[in-house]
Amino acid sequence: MGITMFVSLYTTRLVLNALGATDFGIFNVVGGAIAMLGFLNASMAAATQRFMSYAEGEGKPEKKKSIFNISMVLHVVVAVLAGIALLIAGYFFFNGVLNIPAERVLAAKVVYGSLIVSTMFTVMTVPYDAVLNAHENMKYYAIVGVIESLLKLGIAFVVVYTLSDKLILYGVLMAAEALLVMVIMRIYCHKKYEECVFAPRKYWHKGLMKEMVSFSGWSFLGTGSSMISQYGMGIVLNSFFGAILNAAEGIAYQISGQLMVFSNNMLKAVNPVITKSEGEGNRAFMILTSLRTTKMSFYLLSIFAIPFIIESNYLLGIWLKKVPDWAVVFVQLQLIRAILEQLTVPLSTSIAAQGEIRMYIISVSVINILPIILTYILFLNGFPPYYMFLTFIFGWGIVKGFVTIYYMKKNCGLSLKEYYSMVLIPCVVTSLGMFSIAFGSTYYLPQSFTRLVLVGVVSSATFIIFQRYFFITPSEKQLLNRIYNLTKTKILSIRVK
């Protein structure tokens, strides 16, 4: 994932310079209509994985085959419906909704069509993604992740040196790359896992199908509202400020996504453990794992994000030859939003594992729509573009966080005292300490590589000190000592050889 992060950042630099800010903004706003289904895929994969992991905890291999086959049938239906919906939506997007220069409309339509095809196949691959997650196969994700990032780098070089329309070529090649990765995943899963047998008639189970449809339906409502708000925000931004601002928005999400790669992959590894624990009837361990995961995912993002927030102007200047207007502010606010969301994101996995999600999803869906409504009203009244991220911070980072904690307590029996002492206080105090001390060090040096290194060292040292002397628990200290001794033993054994 570390390799993927650095390759992806360099790829974005190449693509932005090759396409230019306007075409890059067009790709983000048009591709966003498709990319928003990435949220849908993640939600549907999480719903399928919940049943897979739960069955694994129960020790029922035949049930997993039924879950896989039911999931395959459901996702084929969803893929067809998604393709039809996107085609209908495309008519409205290109007839009055999107603010795209007239000479680039044809290129935007080709990109849109290519990505629709890619999206339909992506949806049909969700059950395989769920199987990999349920088996906690992180090695596969690491290998394919590196291959995928290198393919994207190759596409970027092709776009840089092509003489044809760069935007059209980039859209088509990106769709082809997604299809290739999905084919690899399907072949691998059918060879590796016994539950990946497509025989819907043999393994059809009506009761299980109803349960999965109900759970997936509520999950879809929650993710659908999030997806509409996330992409709708890009359309609102485009309508008021044009495609250039969409380029800045795309850069902010790219930076945030890459800095979150470590915390996100840790969540991907731990989520099956949380669900299996509930399937085994071990609620106490599920809650403890959720709290530890919440704290660690917060730390993993903060360690990278806080220095980036402080030095974002310098880093974007190095990374991009020409930094789009508002990109620096967008990046800073998006990272603050992402950090705040880490305080409760892992808890939603426990709520889903417990199974009673109806009221939680309804509450979250209402909150998900809140930012786009507030942003539209603010833009109508002349507020600057960065207010879109402030509404996300308020709605998704703060309000939704409180709602998640409430339902975690109500449905799963979370102790608020335990959450405050184990997660909230250590995370907030540590991150504020890191930011304050590292930001204070910038007053002594002008903007430079030396100052960047200083900020990184100071923030990391502050984190270590706060954890070492204030917030590390005895069990965590024992775990770190075991990891240290194991690493030391391995290094010594290598030297002896």
Protein backbone atom coordinates (compact mmCIF):
# COMPACT_ATOMS: atom_id res chain seq x y z
CA MET A 1 0.00 0.00 0.00
CA GLY A 2 2.97 2.27 0.61
CA ILE A 3 4.16 1.62 -2.96
CA THR A 4 0.64 2.24 -4.26
CA MET A 5 0.39 5.58 -2.45
CA PHE A 6 3.56 7.07 -3.91
CA VAL A 7 2.95 5.73 -7.42
CA SER A 8 -0.63 7.07 -7.38
CA LEU A 9 0.47 10.54 -6.30
CA TYR A 10 3.05 10.69 -9.11
CA THR A 11 0.44 9.38 -11.57
CA THR A 12 -1.96 12.18 -10.64
CA ARG A 13 0.80 14.72 -11.23
CA LEU A 14 1.43 13.34 -14.73
CA VAL A 15 -2.26 13.20 -15.62
CA LEU A 16 -3.03 16.71 -14.34
CA ASN A 17 -0.14 18.17 -16.36
CA ALA A 18 -1.05 16.15 -19.47
CA LEU A 19 -4.77 16.92 -19.44
CA GLY A 20 -4.63 20.44 -18.06
CA ALA A 21 -6.79 21.77 -15.23
CA THR A 22 -9.98 22.01 -17.34
CA ASP A 23 -9.91 18.45 -18.75
CA PHE A 24 -8.79 17.07 -15.38
CA GLY A 25 -11.75 18.85 -13.78
CA ILE A 26 -14.08 17.45 -16.48
CA PHE A 27 -12.82 13.92 -15.81
CA ASN A 28 -13.42 14.37 -12.07
CA VAL A 29 -16.93 15.74 -12.43
CA VAL A 30 -17.95 13.23 -15.16
CA GLY A 31 -16.03 10.35 -13.61
CA GLY A 32 -17.50 11.32 -10.27
CA ALA A 33 -20.89 10.10 -11.46
CA ILE A 34 -19.24 6.71 -11.82
CA ALA A 35 -16.82 7.02 -8.91
CA MET A 36 -19.74 7.62 -6.56
CA LEU A 37 -20.68 3.99 -7.23
CA GLY A 38 -17.40 3.12 -5.54
CA PHE A 39 -19.22 4.00 -2.32
CA LEU A 40 -22.03 1.71 -3.47
CA ASN A 41 -19.59 -1.13 -4.20
CA ALA A 42 -17.98 -0.72 -0.78
CA SER A 43 -21.36 -0.79 0.93
CA MET A 44 -22.60 -3.83 -0.99
CA ALA A 45 -19.30 -5.63 -0.40
CA ALA A 46 -19.58 -4.82 3.30
CA ALA A 47 -23.14 -6.20 3.38
CA THR A 48 -22.12 -9.45 1.65
CA GLN A 49 -18.97 -9.70 3.75
CA ARG A 50 -21.05 -9.28 6.91
CA PHE A 51 -22.98 -12.46 6.07
CA MET A 52 -19.84 -14.29 4.90
CA SER A 53 -17.88 -13.46 8.05
CA TYR A 54 -20.87 -14.19 10.28
CA ALA A 55 -21.25 -17.64 8.66
CA GLU A 56 -17.50 -18.20 9.12
CA GLY A 57 -17.91 -17.40 12.82
CA GLU A 58 -20.81 -19.84 12.99
CA GLY A 59 -18.70 -22.52 11.25
CA LYS A 60 -21.14 -23.16 8.36
CA PRO A 61 -19.27 -23.63 5.02
CA GLU A 62 -22.40 -24.65 3.05
CA LYS A 63 -24.15 -21.46 4.15
CA LYS A 64 -21.28 -19.47 2.63
CA LYS A 65 -21.96 -21.07 -0.76
CA SER A 66 -25.60 -20.00 -0.54
CA ILE A 67 -24.55 -16.46 0.45
CA PHE A 68 -22.16 -16.28 -2.52
CA ASN A 69 -24.75 -17.44 -5.07
CA ILE A 70 -27.53 -15.21 -3.74
CA SER A 71 -25.11 -12.29 -3.72
CA MET A 72 -24.08 -12.96 -7.34
CA VAL A 73 -27.69 -12.95 -8.56
CA LEU A 74 -28.50 -9.76 -6.62
CA HIS A 75 -25.44 -7.95 -7.98
CA VAL A 76 -26.16 -8.85 -11.59
CA VAL A 77 -29.61 -7.28 -11.15
CA VAL A 78 -28.11 -4.21 -9.47
CA ALA A 79 -25.47 -3.86 -12.23
CA VAL A 80 -28.14 -3.78 -14.94
CA LEU A 81 -30.27 -1.28 -12.99
CA ALA A 82 -27.20 0.89 -12.28
CA GLY A 83 -26.28 0.94 -15.98
CA ILE A 84 -29.81 1.99 -17.00
CA ALA A 85 -29.94 4.65 -14.24
CA LEU A 86 -26.58 6.11 -15.30
CA LEU A 87 -27.62 6.27 -18.95
CA ILE A 88 -30.79 8.16 -18.00
CA ALA A 89 -28.84 10.43 -15.66
CA GLY A 90 -26.32 11.11 -18.44
CA TYR A 91 -29.03 12.71 -20.57
CA PHE A 92 -29.69 15.29 -17.86
CA PHE A 93 -26.01 15.74 -16.97
CA PHE A 94 -25.13 16.76 -20.52
CA ASN A 95 -28.24 18.83 -21.10
CA GLY A 96 -28.09 21.64 -18.60
CA VAL A 97 -26.68 20.21 -15.35
CA LEU A 98 -22.92 20.10 -15.94
CA ASN A 99 -20.93 23.22 -16.76
CA ILE A 100 -18.59 21.84 -19.47
CA PRO A 101 -17.05 23.83 -22.36
CA ALA A 102 -18.93 23.08 -25.60
CA GLU A 103 -15.85 21.79 -27.44
CA ARG A 104 -15.22 19.16 -24.73
CA VAL A 105 -18.75 17.74 -24.41
CA LEU A 106 -18.12 14.88 -26.89
CA ALA A 107 -14.97 13.82 -25.04
CA ALA A 108 -16.85 13.94 -21.73
CA LYS A 109 -19.62 11.72 -23.16
CA VAL A 110 -17.11 9.12 -24.37
CA VAL A 111 -15.48 9.05 -20.92
CA TYR A 112 -18.89 8.73 -19.30
CA GLY A 113 -19.92 5.82 -21.53
CA SER A 114 -16.65 3.96 -20.98
CA LEU A 115 -16.93 4.26 -17.24
CA ILE A 116 -20.56 3.02 -17.24
CA VAL A 117 -19.42 -0.28 -18.77
CA SER A 118 -16.60 -0.52 -16.25
CA THR A 119 -18.98 0.21 -13.39
CA MET A 120 -21.42 -2.54 -14.33
CA PHE A 121 -18.63 -5.14 -14.26
CA THR A 122 -17.32 -3.68 -10.98
CA VAL A 123 -20.73 -4.16 -9.33
CA MET A 124 -20.83 -7.80 -10.47
CA THR A 125 -17.42 -8.38 -8.87
CA VAL A 126 -18.51 -7.23 -5.40
CA PRO A 127 -19.21 -10.79 -4.11
CA TYR A 128 -15.60 -11.75 -4.88
CA ASP A 129 -14.33 -8.72 -2.98
CA ALA A 130 -16.50 -9.79 -0.04
CA VAL A 131 -15.03 -13.32 -0.13
CA LEU A 132 -11.48 -11.94 -0.05
CA ASN A 133 -12.37 -9.68 2.89
CA ALA A 134 -14.06 -12.49 4.80
CA HIS A 135 -10.92 -14.63 4.42
CA GLU A 136 -8.73 -11.64 5.45
CA ASN A 137 -6.58 -12.14 2.34
CA MET A 138 -4.48 -8.99 2.60
CA LYS A 139 -1.63 -10.50 0.58
CA TYR A 140 -3.84 -10.55 -2.52
CA TYR A 141 -4.81 -6.90 -2.02
CA ALA A 142 -1.15 -5.93 -1.67
CA ILE A 143 -0.07 -7.71 -4.88
CA VAL A 144 -3.02 -6.57 -7.01
CA GLY A 145 -2.84 -3.08 -5.52
CA VAL A 146 0.75 -2.69 -6.74
CA ILE A 147 -0.13 -4.12 -10.18
CA GLU A 148 -3.11 -1.77 -10.43
CA SER A 149 -1.07 1.30 -9.51
CA LEU A 150 1.65 0.38 -12.06
CA LEU A 151 -1.02 -0.04 -14.77
CA LYS A 152 -2.35 3.43 -13.94
CA LEU A 153 1.18 4.81 -14.13
CA GLY A 154 1.58 3.21 -17.56
CA ILE A 155 -1.72 4.78 -18.67
CA ALA A 156 -0.48 8.17 -17.46
CA PHE A 157 2.68 7.87 -19.58
CA VAL A 158 0.61 6.87 -22.63
CA VAL A 159 -1.63 9.92 -22.12
CA VAL A 160 1.39 12.21 -21.76
CA TYR A 161 2.87 11.16 -25.11
CA THR A 162 -0.25 10.47 -27.20
CA LEU A 163 -1.16 12.73 -30.13
CA SER A 164 -4.88 11.85 -29.98
CA ASP A 165 -7.50 13.33 -27.64
CA LYS A 166 -5.91 12.83 -24.22
CA LEU A 167 -9.15 12.95 -22.21
CA ILE A 168 -10.92 10.32 -24.34
CA LEU A 169 -7.89 8.00 -24.28
CA TYR A 170 -7.49 8.40 -20.52
CA GLY A 171 -11.16 7.57 -19.87
CA VAL A 172 -11.15 4.47 -22.10
CA LEU A 173 -7.85 3.12 -20.72
CA MET A 174 -8.94 3.65 -17.11
CA ALA A 175 -12.12 1.64 -17.82
CA ALA A 176 -10.05 -1.12 -19.47
CA GLU A 177 -7.68 -1.24 -16.49
CA ALA A 178 -10.60 -1.70 -14.08
CA LEU A 179 -11.97 -4.56 -16.19
CA LEU A 180 -8.59 -6.33 -16.27
CA VAL A 181 -8.22 -6.17 -12.47
CA MET A 182 -11.73 -7.56 -12.03
CA VAL A 183 -11.04 -10.52 -14.35
CA ILE A 184 -7.93 -11.36 -12.31
CA MET A 185 -9.97 -11.24 -9.10
CA ARG A 186 -12.67 -13.58 -10.41
CA ILE A 187 -10.19 -16.18 -11.69
CA TYR A 188 -8.25 -16.11 -8.41
CA CYS A 189 -11.33 -16.52 -6.18
CA HIS A 190 -12.76 -19.46 -8.16
CA LYS A 191 -9.44 -21.29 -7.90
CA LYS A 192 -8.75 -20.40 -4.26
CA TYR A 193 -12.05 -20.62 -2.36
CA GLU A 194 -14.54 -23.48 -2.28
CA GLU A 195 -17.58 -21.24 -1.73
CA CYS A 196 -17.00 -19.53 -5.08
CA VAL A 197 -19.15 -22.00 -7.00
CA PHE A 198 -21.82 -20.44 -9.20
CA ALA A 199 -24.86 -22.73 -8.96
CA PRO A 200 -27.81 -20.54 -7.91
CA ARG A 201 -30.46 -23.26 -8.26
CA LYS A 202 -28.58 -25.68 -6.03
CA TYR A 203 -27.67 -23.18 -3.31
CA TRP A 204 -30.73 -20.92 -3.39
CA HIS A 205 -32.21 -20.24 0.06
CA LYS A 206 -35.34 -18.11 0.16
CA GLY A 207 -35.14 -17.10 3.83
CA LEU A 208 -31.48 -16.15 3.55
CA MET A 209 -32.21 -14.21 0.37
CA LYS A 210 -34.87 -12.13 2.13
CA GLU A 211 -32.52 -11.42 5.02
CA MET A 212 -29.71 -10.35 2.67
CA VAL A 213 -32.03 -8.20 0.54
CA SER A 214 -33.35 -6.44 3.64
CA PHE A 215 -29.86 -5.83 5.05
CA SER A 216 -28.46 -4.77 1.65
CA GLY A 217 -31.46 -2.51 1.07
CA TRP A 218 -30.86 -0.57 4.25
CA SER A 219 -27.11 -0.46 3.57
CA PHE A 220 -27.87 0.82 0.07
CA LEU A 221 -30.03 3.61 1.52
CA GLY A 222 -27.21 4.76 3.77
CA THR A 223 -24.52 4.54 1.12
CA GLY A 224 -26.80 5.92 -1.60
CA SER A 225 -27.50 9.07 0.42
CA SER A 226 -23.77 9.46 1.08
CA MET A 227 -22.99 8.94 -2.60
CA ILE A 228 -25.61 11.45 -3.76
CA SER A 229 -24.32 14.08 -1.36
CA GLN A 230 -20.66 13.46 -2.23
CA TYR A 231 -21.15 13.60 -5.99
CA GLY A 232 -23.91 16.17 -5.82
CA MET A 233 -21.49 18.47 -4.06
CA GLY A 234 -19.22 18.29 -7.11
CA ILE A 235 -22.14 19.24 -9.38
CA VAL A 236 -23.07 22.18 -7.12
CA LEU A 237 -19.45 23.33 -7.14
CA ASN A 238 -19.32 22.94 -10.92
CA SER A 239 -22.56 24.89 -11.42
CA PHE A 240 -21.39 27.88 -9.38
CA PHE A 241 -17.64 27.95 -10.09
CA GLY A 242 -16.91 25.80 -13.21
CA ALA A 243 -14.67 22.80 -13.98
CA ILE A 244 -11.46 24.41 -12.68
CA LEU A 245 -12.73 24.11 -9.10
CA ASN A 246 -13.56 20.45 -9.73
CA ALA A 247 -9.85 19.92 -10.46
CA ALA A 248 -9.01 21.36 -7.03
CA GLU A 249 -11.71 19.16 -5.48
CA GLY A 250 -10.31 16.08 -7.25
CA ILE A 251 -6.82 16.82 -5.91
CA ALA A 252 -8.19 17.14 -2.35
CA TYR A 253 -9.91 13.76 -2.56
CA GLN A 254 -6.83 12.19 -4.19
CA ILE A 255 -4.55 13.39 -1.37
CA SER A 256 -7.02 12.33 1.30
CA GLY A 257 -7.51 8.91 -0.29
CA GLN A 258 -3.79 8.22 -0.51
CA LEU A 259 -3.03 9.37 3.05
CA MET A 260 -5.88 7.17 4.31
CA VAL A 261 -4.57 4.07 2.53
CA PHE A 262 -2.93 2.65 5.67
CA SER A 263 -5.90 3.24 7.98
CA ASN A 264 -8.37 2.00 5.35
CA ASN A 265 -6.45 -1.22 4.78
CA MET A 266 -6.19 -1.80 8.50
CA LEU A 267 -9.99 -1.46 8.66
CA LYS A 268 -10.32 -3.91 5.77
CA ALA A 269 -8.22 -6.41 7.73
CA VAL A 270 -10.03 -5.94 11.05
CA ASN A 271 -13.67 -5.72 9.87
CA PRO A 272 -14.00 -9.51 9.32
CA VAL A 273 -12.63 -10.09 12.84
CA ILE A 274 -15.33 -7.83 14.30
CA THR A 275 -18.11 -9.61 12.41
CA LYS A 276 -16.78 -13.11 13.16
CA SER A 277 -16.68 -12.23 16.86
CA GLU A 278 -20.38 -11.32 16.75
CA GLY A 279 -21.11 -14.54 14.83
CA GLU A 280 -19.35 -16.50 17.59
CA GLY A 281 -21.42 -14.67 20.22
CA ASN A 282 -18.39 -12.85 21.68
CA ARG A 283 -19.88 -9.33 21.97
CA ALA A 284 -17.32 -8.08 24.50
CA PHE A 285 -14.39 -8.90 22.21
CA MET A 286 -16.20 -7.28 19.27
CA ILE A 287 -16.60 -4.00 21.17
CA LEU A 288 -13.00 -4.05 22.41
CA THR A 289 -11.70 -4.71 18.89
CA SER A 290 -13.87 -1.87 17.52
CA LEU A 291 -12.48 0.61 20.06
CA ARG A 292 -8.86 -0.41 19.46
CA THR A 293 -9.41 -0.23 15.70
CA THR A 294 -10.98 3.24 15.99
CA LYS A 295 -7.99 4.55 17.90
CA MET A 296 -5.41 2.97 15.61
CA SER A 297 -7.12 4.11 12.39
CA PHE A 298 -7.24 7.66 13.80
CA TYR A 299 -3.54 7.54 14.65
CA LEU A 300 -2.52 6.03 11.30
CA LEU A 301 -4.21 8.87 9.44
CA SER A 302 -3.16 11.65 11.82
CA ILE A 303 0.55 10.75 11.66
CA PHE A 304 0.52 11.42 7.89
CA ALA A 305 -2.24 14.02 7.64
CA ILE A 306 -1.17 16.55 10.30
CA PRO A 307 2.25 17.32 8.74
CA PHE A 308 0.53 17.50 5.33
CA ILE A 309 -2.05 20.00 6.64
CA ILE A 310 0.72 22.23 8.00
CA GLU A 311 2.92 22.01 4.88
CA SER A 312 0.24 21.51 2.21
CA ASN A 313 1.17 24.68 0.31
CA TYR A 314 4.81 23.56 -0.02
CA LEU A 315 3.98 19.90 -0.78
CA LEU A 316 1.41 20.70 -3.47
CA GLY A 317 3.92 23.07 -5.05
CA ILE A 318 6.44 20.22 -5.27
CA TRP A 319 3.92 17.62 -6.40
CA LEU A 320 2.14 19.69 -9.08
CA LYS A 321 3.77 22.04 -11.55
CA LYS A 322 0.76 24.36 -11.33
CA VAL A 323 -1.49 24.23 -8.28
CA PRO A 324 -5.18 24.95 -9.13
CA ASP A 325 -6.93 27.77 -7.24
CA TRP A 326 -8.34 26.75 -3.85
CA ALA A 327 -6.56 23.37 -3.96
CA VAL A 328 -4.50 24.06 -0.81
CA VAL A 329 -7.51 25.05 1.31
CA PHE A 330 -9.58 22.17 -0.08
CA VAL A 331 -6.84 19.67 0.83
CA GLN A 332 -6.47 21.03 4.36
CA LEU A 333 -10.20 20.97 5.11
CA GLN A 334 -10.73 17.55 3.51
CA LEU A 335 -7.97 16.07 5.69
CA ILE A 336 -9.51 17.62 8.82
CA ARG A 337 -12.83 16.08 7.84
CA ALA A 338 -11.22 12.67 7.26
CA ILE A 339 -9.46 12.77 10.65
CA LEU A 340 -12.70 13.57 12.48
CA GLU A 341 -14.58 10.78 10.70
CA GLN A 342 -12.00 8.23 11.89
CA LEU A 343 -13.28 8.72 15.45
CA THR A 344 -16.42 6.71 14.65
CA VAL A 345 -16.06 4.97 11.24
CA PRO A 346 -14.99 1.56 12.66
CA LEU A 347 -17.93 1.58 15.10
CA SER A 348 -20.38 1.37 12.19
CA THR A 349 -18.95 -2.09 11.37
CA SER A 350 -20.01 -3.30 14.81
CA ILE A 351 -23.49 -1.86 14.38
CA ALA A 352 -23.76 -3.70 11.04
CA ALA A 353 -22.41 -6.92 12.59
CA GLN A 354 -25.08 -6.79 15.30
CA GLY A 355 -27.68 -6.58 12.52
CA GLU A 356 -30.27 -4.05 13.77
CA ILE A 357 -29.45 -1.27 11.33
CA ARG A 358 -32.84 0.13 10.25
CA MET A 359 -33.10 3.19 12.53
CA TYR A 360 -29.36 3.82 12.40
CA ILE A 361 -29.37 3.91 8.59
CA ILE A 362 -32.43 6.19 8.46
CA SER A 363 -30.75 8.65 10.85
CA VAL A 364 -27.44 8.55 8.96
CA SER A 365 -29.18 8.98 5.58
CA VAL A 366 -30.83 12.21 6.71
CA ILE A 367 -27.49 13.51 7.99
CA ASN A 368 -25.73 12.48 4.75
CA ILE A 369 -27.93 14.81 2.69
CA LEU A 370 -27.44 17.74 5.08
CA PRO A 371 -24.10 19.07 3.65
CA ILE A 372 -25.31 19.41 0.05
CA ILE A 373 -28.42 21.35 1.13
CA LEU A 374 -26.41 23.68 3.37
CA THR A 375 -23.75 24.19 0.67
CA TYR A 376 -26.30 25.08 -2.01
CA ILE A 377 -27.89 27.66 0.29
CA LEU A 378 -24.48 29.12 1.20
CA PHE A 379 -23.36 29.35 -2.45
CA LEU A 380 -26.62 31.07 -3.39
CA ASN A 381 -25.79 33.69 -0.78
CA GLY A 382 -22.29 34.31 -2.14
CA PHE A 383 -20.16 32.26 0.27
CA PRO A 384 -16.72 31.12 -1.01
CA PRO A 385 -16.22 27.53 -2.33
CA TYR A 386 -14.37 26.14 0.71
CA TYR A 387 -17.63 26.25 2.70
CA MET A 388 -18.59 22.95 1.03
CA PHE A 389 -15.93 21.22 3.14
CA LEU A 390 -17.03 23.04 6.29
CA THR A 391 -20.54 21.64 5.86
CA PHE A 392 -19.05 18.14 5.45
CA ILE A 393 -17.02 18.60 8.65
CA PHE A 394 -20.14 19.68 10.53
CA GLY A 395 -22.51 17.07 9.09
CA TRP A 396 -20.36 13.97 8.57
CA GLY A 397 -17.52 14.60 11.01
CA ILE A 398 -19.50 15.84 14.03
CA VAL A 399 -23.27 15.18 13.80
CA LYS A 400 -22.96 11.70 12.23
CA GLY A 401 -20.26 10.85 14.76
CA PHE A 402 -22.62 11.51 17.68
CA VAL A 403 -25.37 9.44 16.01
CA THR A 404 -22.99 6.49 15.46
CA ILE A 405 -21.89 6.53 19.11
CA TYR A 406 -25.55 6.67 20.24
CA TYR A 407 -26.54 3.58 18.23
CA MET A 408 -23.36 1.74 19.18
CA LYS A 409 -24.39 2.24 22.82
CA LYS A 410 -28.05 1.41 22.18
CA ASN A 411 -27.61 -1.67 19.96
CA CYS A 412 -24.28 -3.11 21.08
CA GLY A 413 -23.96 -1.96 24.70
CA LEU A 414 -20.95 0.34 24.23
CA SER A 415 -19.81 2.02 27.44
CA LEU A 416 -19.50 5.77 26.84
CA LYS A 417 -16.95 6.03 29.63
CA GLU A 418 -14.84 3.36 27.92
CA TYR A 419 -15.11 5.16 24.56
CA TYR A 420 -14.08 8.50 26.06
CA SER A 421 -11.14 7.09 28.01
CA MET A 422 -9.90 4.64 25.37
CA VAL A 423 -10.56 6.58 22.15
CA LEU A 424 -11.81 10.17 22.31
CA ILE A 425 -9.52 11.74 24.93
CA PRO A 426 -6.26 10.08 23.73
CA CYS A 427 -7.01 10.83 20.07
CA VAL A 428 -8.08 14.46 20.52
CA VAL A 429 -5.32 15.40 22.98
CA THR A 430 -2.60 13.66 20.93
CA SER A 431 -3.65 15.18 17.59
CA LEU A 432 -4.01 18.70 19.03
CA GLY A 433 -0.61 18.36 20.68
CA MET A 434 0.99 17.16 17.44
CA PHE A 435 -0.53 20.01 15.43
CA SER A 436 0.21 22.78 17.95
CA ILE A 437 3.84 21.87 18.57
CA ALA A 438 4.62 21.09 14.90
CA PHE A 439 2.88 24.25 13.68
CA GLY A 440 4.78 26.30 16.26
CA SER A 441 8.07 25.02 14.84
CA THR A 442 7.27 26.58 11.43
CA TYR A 443 7.80 30.11 12.81
CA TYR A 444 11.53 29.56 13.06
CA LEU A 445 12.16 28.61 9.43
CA PRO A 446 10.98 29.81 6.00
CA GLN A 447 9.03 27.41 3.77
CA SER A 448 11.56 24.80 2.62
CA PHE A 449 12.44 21.13 2.57
CA THR A 450 14.28 21.57 5.87
CA ARG A 451 11.13 22.93 7.50
CA LEU A 452 9.09 20.06 6.05
CA VAL A 453 11.47 17.53 7.63
CA LEU A 454 11.37 19.44 10.92
CA VAL A 455 7.55 19.40 10.98
CA GLY A 456 7.52 15.66 10.28
CA VAL A 457 10.09 14.90 12.99
CA VAL A 458 8.45 17.17 15.59
CA SER A 459 4.93 15.84 15.01
CA SER A 460 6.15 12.20 15.11
CA ALA A 461 8.19 12.84 18.28
CA THR A 462 5.18 14.51 19.92
CA PHE A 463 3.03 11.48 19.06
CA ILE A 464 5.56 9.07 20.56
CA ILE A 465 5.93 11.12 23.76
CA PHE A 466 2.16 11.45 24.29
CA GLN A 467 1.66 7.72 23.77
CA ARG A 468 4.68 6.64 25.80
CA TYR A 469 3.93 8.71 28.89
CA PHE A 470 0.17 9.31 28.86
CA PHE A 471 -2.05 7.10 26.74
CA ILE A 472 -0.56 3.68 26.03
CA THR A 473 -2.34 0.87 27.93
CA PRO A 474 -0.52 -2.07 29.62
CA SER A 475 -1.90 -4.53 27.03
CA GLU A 476 -0.76 -2.30 24.16
CA LYS A 477 2.68 -1.98 25.75
CA GLN A 478 2.95 -5.78 25.98
CA LEU A 479 1.93 -6.11 22.33
CA LEU A 480 4.56 -3.56 21.23
CA ASN A 481 7.22 -5.36 23.27
CA ARG A 482 6.29 -8.67 21.61
CA ILE A 483 6.49 -7.08 18.15
CA TYR A 484 9.86 -5.50 19.03
CA ASN A 485 11.30 -8.79 20.34
CA LEU A 486 9.98 -10.75 17.35
CA THR A 487 11.48 -8.21 14.91
CA LYS A 488 14.80 -8.24 16.80
CA THR A 489 14.91 -12.04 16.71
CA LYS A 490 14.26 -12.13 12.97
CA ILE A 491 16.95 -9.51 12.25
CA LEU A 492 19.50 -11.42 14.37
CA SER A 493 18.64 -14.71 12.63
CA ILE A 494 19.19 -13.06 9.22
CA ARG A 495 22.60 -11.76 10.36
CA VAL A 496 23.61 -15.22 11.59
CA LYS A 497 22.67 -16.75 8.22
